[in-house]
Amino acid sequence: MQAKAEFYSEVLTLVVDGKEVKVKAQAVQRHAYKPKLTHIDFVRA
């Protein structure tokens, strides 16, 4: 789980097909032993 809960409430802007989309992170998956993210789920804000 992400160390700071604020990360999940922060609105981010992603560019998809040239259009800006406001999103929030819903879930984050990390590598088992490397300090890397493997997957992030976003929901529209």
Protein backbone atom coordinates (compact mmCIF):
# COMPACT_ATOMS: atom_id res chain seq x y z
CA MET A 1 0.00 0.00 0.00
CA GLN A 2 1.12 3.55 -0.68
CA ALA A 3 2.81 5.18 2.30
CA LYS A 4 0.71 8.37 2.14
CA ALA A 5 -3.07 8.26 1.85
CA GLU A 6 -3.05 11.70 0.18
CA PHE A 7 -1.65 10.04 -2.95
CA TYR A 8 -5.03 8.38 -3.59
CA SER A 9 -7.01 11.63 -3.27
CA GLU A 10 -4.69 13.72 -5.48
CA VAL A 11 -6.13 14.57 -8.92
CA LEU A 12 -3.64 13.83 -11.70
CA THR A 13 -3.78 14.80 -15.37
CA LEU A 14 -3.02 12.10 -17.95
CA VAL A 15 -2.84 12.73 -21.69
CA VAL A 16 -4.72 10.02 -23.60
CA ASP A 17 -4.97 10.27 -27.40
CA GLY A 18 -4.00 13.94 -27.15
CA LYS A 19 -6.75 14.78 -24.65
CA GLU A 20 -6.22 15.65 -21.00
CA VAL A 21 -8.07 13.36 -18.58
CA LYS A 22 -8.35 14.06 -14.84
CA VAL A 23 -7.84 10.88 -12.80
CA LYS A 24 -7.14 9.59 -9.29
CA ALA A 25 -5.08 6.54 -8.40
CA GLN A 26 -7.25 3.70 -7.09
CA ALA A 27 -4.72 0.90 -6.55
CA VAL A 28 -0.95 0.51 -6.80
CA GLN A 29 0.96 -2.75 -7.26
CA ARG A 30 4.66 -2.93 -6.45
CA HIS A 31 7.33 -5.44 -7.41
CA ALA A 32 7.85 -8.08 -4.72
CA TYR A 33 11.45 -7.14 -3.87
CA LYS A 34 12.56 -4.38 -6.26
CA PRO A 35 11.67 -0.74 -5.52
CA LYS A 36 9.53 -0.52 -8.69
CA LEU A 37 5.86 0.01 -9.47
CA THR A 38 4.38 -2.70 -11.66
CA HIS A 39 0.81 -1.42 -12.15
CA ILE A 40 -1.44 1.52 -11.21
CA ASP A 41 -5.24 1.55 -11.58
CA PHE A 42 -6.79 4.96 -12.27
CA VAL A 43 -10.40 6.16 -12.06
CA ARG A 44 -11.74 9.31 -13.68
CA ALA A 45 -11.96 12.20 -11.27
